[in-house]
N, C-alpha and C. Protein backbone atom coordinates (compact mmCIF):
# COMPACT_ATOMS: atom_id res chain seq x y z
N MET A 1 88.22 84.79 88.50
CA MET A 1 89.76 83.62 88.50
C MET A 1 90.27 84.35 87.86
N VAL A 2 92.02 84.84 88.30
CA VAL A 2 92.89 85.86 88.11
C VAL A 2 93.95 84.78 87.31
N LYS A 3 94.63 85.00 85.84
CA LYS A 3 95.36 84.39 85.42
C LYS A 3 96.65 84.38 86.04
N GLU A 4 97.61 83.60 86.42
CA GLU A 4 98.80 83.56 86.85
C GLU A 4 99.72 84.47 86.00
N SER A 5 99.39 84.75 85.00
CA SER A 5 100.50 85.71 84.21
C SER A 5 100.09 87.11 84.45
N ASN A 6 98.91 87.33 85.06
CA ASN A 6 98.05 88.61 85.36
C ASN A 6 98.34 89.11 86.36
N CYS A 7 98.61 88.13 87.59
CA CYS A 7 98.51 88.63 89.03
C CYS A 7 98.97 90.05 89.27
N TYR A 8 100.15 89.81 89.17
CA TYR A 8 100.92 91.07 89.45
C TYR A 8 100.31 92.36 88.99
N SER A 9 100.08 92.71 87.56
CA SER A 9 99.45 93.59 86.97
C SER A 9 97.58 93.96 87.80
N VAL A 10 97.36 92.71 88.37
CA VAL A 10 96.06 92.85 88.62
C VAL A 10 96.22 93.86 90.10
N LEU A 11 97.02 93.09 90.73
CA LEU A 11 97.19 93.42 91.94
C LEU A 11 97.53 95.03 92.01
N ALA A 12 98.36 95.68 91.64
CA ALA A 12 98.92 96.83 91.13
C ALA A 12 97.87 97.47 90.49
N ASP A 13 96.97 97.10 89.84
CA ASP A 13 95.87 98.05 89.33
C ASP A 13 94.53 98.37 90.45
N PHE A 14 94.68 97.24 91.42
CA PHE A 14 93.68 97.05 92.87
C PHE A 14 94.42 98.19 93.93
N ILE A 15 95.32 98.39 93.86
CA ILE A 15 95.97 99.33 94.50
C ILE A 15 96.35 100.76 94.25
N GLY A 16 95.98 100.83 92.66
CA GLY A 16 96.13 102.07 92.20
C GLY A 16 94.81 102.20 92.11
N THR A 17 93.63 101.41 92.44
CA THR A 17 92.29 102.11 91.96
C THR A 17 91.87 102.50 93.65
N HIS A 18 92.34 101.46 94.44
CA HIS A 18 91.98 101.10 96.07
C HIS A 18 92.66 102.23 97.08
N GLY A 19 93.70 102.64 96.49
CA GLY A 19 94.61 102.52 97.76
C GLY A 19 94.79 104.39 97.63
N LYS A 20 95.05 104.61 98.97
CA LYS A 20 95.04 106.41 99.16
C LYS A 20 96.40 106.56 100.13
N PHE A 21 96.73 107.48 99.40
CA PHE A 21 98.44 107.50 99.93
C PHE A 21 98.81 107.88 101.28
N VAL A 22 99.52 107.83 102.15
CA VAL A 22 99.51 108.22 103.52
C VAL A 22 100.00 109.05 103.71
N GLU A 23 100.93 110.21 102.78
CA GLU A 23 101.25 111.65 102.68
C GLU A 23 100.96 111.94 101.66
N ASP A 24 101.29 113.42 101.43
CA ASP A 24 100.77 114.12 100.32
C ASP A 24 102.25 113.63 99.08
N ASP A 25 103.72 114.06 99.74
CA ASP A 25 104.90 113.62 99.23
C ASP A 25 105.80 112.04 99.43
N PHE A 26 104.76 111.01 99.80
CA PHE A 26 105.14 110.00 100.18
C PHE A 26 104.91 108.92 99.08
N PRO A 27 105.08 108.10 98.77
CA PRO A 27 104.82 107.24 97.47
C PRO A 27 103.99 105.85 98.08
N VAL A 28 103.80 105.48 99.17
CA VAL A 28 103.37 105.08 100.15
C VAL A 28 102.00 104.77 99.70
N THR A 29 101.58 103.53 99.43
CA THR A 29 99.74 103.67 99.16
C THR A 29 99.02 102.25 100.32
N GLY A 30 98.49 102.82 100.40
CA GLY A 30 97.56 102.41 101.96
C GLY A 30 96.27 101.68 101.93
N LEU A 31 95.40 100.47 102.03
CA LEU A 31 94.14 100.37 101.93
C LEU A 31 93.89 100.21 103.21
N THR A 32 92.21 100.43 102.82
CA THR A 32 91.00 100.16 104.01
C THR A 32 91.22 98.89 104.67
N ASN A 33 90.50 98.45 105.63
CA ASN A 33 90.20 97.30 106.24
C ASN A 33 89.67 96.38 104.87
N SER A 34 87.95 97.10 104.91
CA SER A 34 87.57 96.13 103.78
C SER A 34 88.52 95.85 102.30
N ASP A 35 89.27 96.97 102.03
CA ASP A 35 89.57 96.79 100.50
C ASP A 35 91.36 95.86 100.84
N ALA A 36 91.73 95.61 102.38
CA ALA A 36 93.04 94.81 102.27
C ALA A 36 92.14 93.64 102.05
N ARG A 37 91.45 93.27 102.85
CA ARG A 37 90.39 92.06 103.09
C ARG A 37 90.65 91.64 101.28
N LEU A 38 89.76 92.34 100.69
CA LEU A 38 89.90 92.16 99.11
C LEU A 38 91.07 91.65 98.66
N PHE A 39 91.97 92.65 99.03
CA PHE A 39 93.28 92.16 98.29
C PHE A 39 94.16 90.99 99.09
N LEU A 40 94.10 90.47 100.33
CA LEU A 40 94.09 89.34 100.64
C LEU A 40 93.91 88.09 99.74
N GLY A 41 92.66 88.58 99.42
CA GLY A 41 91.87 87.29 98.56
C GLY A 41 92.51 87.20 97.47
N LEU A 42 93.07 88.25 96.40
CA LEU A 42 93.47 88.46 95.28
C LEU A 42 95.28 87.83 95.69
N LEU A 43 95.78 88.22 96.87
CA LEU A 43 96.84 87.93 96.81
C LEU A 43 96.73 85.82 96.92
N ARG A 44 95.78 85.57 97.80
CA ARG A 44 95.33 84.14 98.08
C ARG A 44 94.92 83.43 96.58
N GLU A 45 94.25 83.85 95.50
CA GLU A 45 93.89 83.69 94.09
C GLU A 45 95.09 83.17 93.60
N CYS A 46 96.37 84.33 93.69
CA CYS A 46 97.15 84.17 92.83
C CYS A 46 98.52 83.23 93.46
N ARG A 47 98.06 82.47 94.79
CA ARG A 47 99.11 82.06 95.40
C ARG A 47 100.26 82.49 95.93
N ILE A 48 99.81 84.07 96.18
CA ILE A 48 101.60 84.91 96.18
C ILE A 48 101.52 84.81 97.69
N ARG A 49 102.38 84.50 98.34
CA ARG A 49 102.32 84.85 100.06
C ARG A 49 102.36 86.12 100.14
N PRO A 50 101.68 86.46 101.35
CA PRO A 50 102.03 87.83 102.17
C PRO A 50 102.97 87.97 103.30
N LEU A 51 103.97 88.82 103.17
CA LEU A 51 105.01 88.84 103.76
C LEU A 51 105.12 89.98 105.13
N GLY A 52 104.17 90.51 104.62
CA GLY A 52 103.83 91.73 105.92
C GLY A 52 102.71 92.62 105.69
N ILE A 53 102.48 93.07 106.93
CA ILE A 53 100.88 94.25 106.64
C ILE A 53 101.61 95.50 107.54
N GLU A 54 102.00 96.68 107.11
CA GLU A 54 102.31 97.60 107.87
C GLU A 54 101.15 98.19 108.24
N LEU A 55 101.01 98.99 109.17
CA LEU A 55 99.68 99.68 110.10
C LEU A 55 100.00 100.94 109.90
N TRP A 56 99.48 101.87 109.00
CA TRP A 56 99.51 103.00 109.29
C TRP A 56 98.06 104.03 109.84
N ARG A 57 98.49 104.47 110.92
CA ARG A 57 97.44 105.04 112.06
C ARG A 57 96.81 106.23 111.71
N ALA A 58 95.46 106.40 111.70
CA ALA A 58 95.23 107.69 111.53
C ALA A 58 95.47 108.97 112.15
N THR A 59 96.22 109.97 112.34
CA THR A 59 96.05 110.87 113.45
C THR A 59 95.39 112.00 112.63
N ALA A 60 95.43 113.19 113.05
CA ALA A 60 94.77 114.61 113.37
C ALA A 60 95.29 115.25 112.14
N HIS A 61 96.68 114.92 111.51
CA HIS A 61 96.85 115.44 110.81
C HIS A 61 97.74 114.49 109.50
N GLY A 62 96.98 113.75 109.37
CA GLY A 62 97.57 112.44 108.41
C GLY A 62 97.47 110.89 108.68
N TYR A 63 98.63 110.49 108.54
CA TYR A 63 98.71 109.17 108.87
C TYR A 63 100.05 108.54 109.32
N ASP A 64 100.39 107.76 110.74
CA ASP A 64 101.67 107.61 110.86
C ASP A 64 101.61 105.92 111.16
N VAL A 65 103.10 105.59 110.83
CA VAL A 65 103.10 103.53 110.55
C VAL A 65 103.39 103.83 112.06
N ASP A 66 102.73 102.23 112.54
CA ASP A 66 102.69 102.01 113.79
C ASP A 66 103.61 100.74 113.57
N GLY A 67 104.52 100.67 113.55
CA GLY A 67 105.49 99.87 113.32
C GLY A 67 105.89 98.42 114.21
N ALA A 68 105.43 98.96 115.44
CA ALA A 68 105.44 97.53 116.68
C ALA A 68 103.91 96.83 116.03
N LYS A 69 103.02 97.43 115.56
CA LYS A 69 101.67 97.11 115.30
C LYS A 69 101.24 95.94 113.94
N GLY A 70 102.23 96.20 113.43
CA GLY A 70 102.01 95.68 112.24
C GLY A 70 102.16 93.81 112.13
N TRP A 71 101.97 93.23 110.88
CA TRP A 71 101.65 91.58 111.15
C TRP A 71 102.83 91.33 110.19
N TYR A 72 103.46 89.89 110.91
CA TYR A 72 104.63 89.44 109.55
C TYR A 72 104.25 88.12 109.83
N SER A 73 104.81 87.61 108.31
CA SER A 73 105.02 86.34 107.68
C SER A 73 105.55 85.41 109.25
N GLU A 74 105.11 84.36 109.62
CA GLU A 74 106.07 83.19 110.41
C GLU A 74 106.96 82.50 109.37
N ARG A 75 106.68 82.28 107.92
CA ARG A 75 107.15 81.67 107.34
C ARG A 75 106.82 80.15 107.16
N GLY A 76 105.58 80.24 107.70
CA GLY A 76 105.15 78.63 107.88
C GLY A 76 104.52 78.60 106.31
N THR A 77 103.11 77.55 106.63
CA THR A 77 102.75 77.39 105.30
C THR A 77 101.76 78.55 104.91
N ILE A 78 101.87 78.68 103.38
CA ILE A 78 101.31 79.90 102.60
C ILE A 78 99.72 80.20 103.45
N GLU A 79 99.04 78.54 103.45
CA GLU A 79 97.52 78.72 104.00
C GLU A 79 97.75 79.71 105.23
N ALA A 80 98.96 79.35 106.04
CA ALA A 80 99.07 79.42 108.16
C ALA A 80 99.20 80.96 107.59
N ASP A 81 99.74 81.71 106.46
CA ASP A 81 99.96 83.28 106.46
C ASP A 81 98.98 83.94 105.86
N TYR A 82 97.93 83.45 105.39
CA TYR A 82 96.66 83.89 104.67
C TYR A 82 95.72 83.90 106.02
N GLN A 83 95.47 82.82 106.73
CA GLN A 83 94.99 83.16 107.77
C GLN A 83 95.30 83.97 109.35
N GLY A 84 96.71 84.09 108.89
CA GLY A 84 97.59 84.90 110.04
C GLY A 84 96.88 86.41 109.75
N ALA A 85 97.15 86.71 108.65
CA ALA A 85 96.99 87.92 108.06
C ALA A 85 95.06 88.37 107.73
N LEU A 86 94.59 87.74 107.49
CA LEU A 86 92.92 87.89 108.18
C LEU A 86 92.95 88.02 109.37
N ALA A 87 93.36 86.92 110.45
CA ALA A 87 93.10 87.10 111.95
C ALA A 87 93.72 88.24 112.10
N TYR A 88 94.77 89.33 111.59
CA TYR A 88 95.23 90.52 111.81
C TYR A 88 94.06 91.44 111.19
N LEU A 89 93.82 91.42 110.56
CA LEU A 89 92.94 92.04 109.50
C LEU A 89 91.64 92.27 110.45
N ASN A 90 91.26 91.25 111.16
CA ASN A 90 89.97 91.32 111.85
C ASN A 90 90.31 91.63 113.58
N SER A 91 91.42 92.08 113.48
CA SER A 91 91.44 92.60 115.27
C SER A 91 90.90 93.48 115.70
N GLU A 92 90.29 93.52 116.87
CA GLU A 92 89.23 94.50 117.15
C GLU A 92 90.10 95.63 117.51
N TRP A 93 90.93 95.64 117.78
CA TRP A 93 91.64 97.18 118.76
C TRP A 93 92.24 97.98 117.08
N LEU A 94 92.33 97.76 116.05
CA LEU A 94 92.34 98.77 114.63
C LEU A 94 91.42 99.65 114.78
N GLY A 95 91.61 101.06 114.01
CA GLY A 95 90.76 102.03 114.23
C GLY A 95 90.40 101.92 112.75
N SER A 96 89.02 102.26 112.52
CA SER A 96 87.89 102.34 111.40
C SER A 96 88.47 103.11 110.17
N ARG A 97 89.57 104.19 110.64
CA ARG A 97 90.53 104.66 109.70
C ARG A 97 91.40 104.40 109.38
N ASP A 98 92.48 103.30 109.81
CA ASP A 98 93.85 102.83 109.93
C ASP A 98 93.79 102.57 108.47
N LEU A 99 94.92 102.81 107.56
CA LEU A 99 95.39 101.98 106.49
C LEU A 99 96.26 101.04 106.70
N PHE A 100 96.43 100.02 105.45
CA PHE A 100 97.09 99.00 105.79
C PHE A 100 97.67 98.73 104.49
N VAL A 101 99.38 98.55 104.40
CA VAL A 101 100.40 98.34 103.20
C VAL A 101 100.76 97.02 103.24
N PHE A 102 100.49 96.23 102.27
CA PHE A 102 101.11 95.21 102.00
C PHE A 102 102.73 94.75 101.69
N GLN A 103 103.10 93.98 102.13
CA GLN A 103 104.69 93.46 101.76
C GLN A 103 104.20 91.92 100.80
N TYR A 104 104.72 91.78 99.88
CA TYR A 104 104.38 90.51 99.24
C TYR A 104 105.89 90.18 98.13
């Protein structure tokens, strides 16, 4: 159980430990699908709403953002947002090398 007062530091530590830079000189850190699921669980435990998930597609030369294929909160209940984000991460069309950047 994460203490509410520690939530943001736990989230930042998780991204720092598990995240991968999408480009060498670009400060965006993405998570693999399995790590994104764990991160979503941390958000849920902390009662922090996921606002969006950017999809960074693996390419031959690194990663490229796929803005049209991201997930964004419909601003219903917070539980609906967790379920929507999890359903998105379960999508069969996602690639095994894709990375995910959370907005929260």
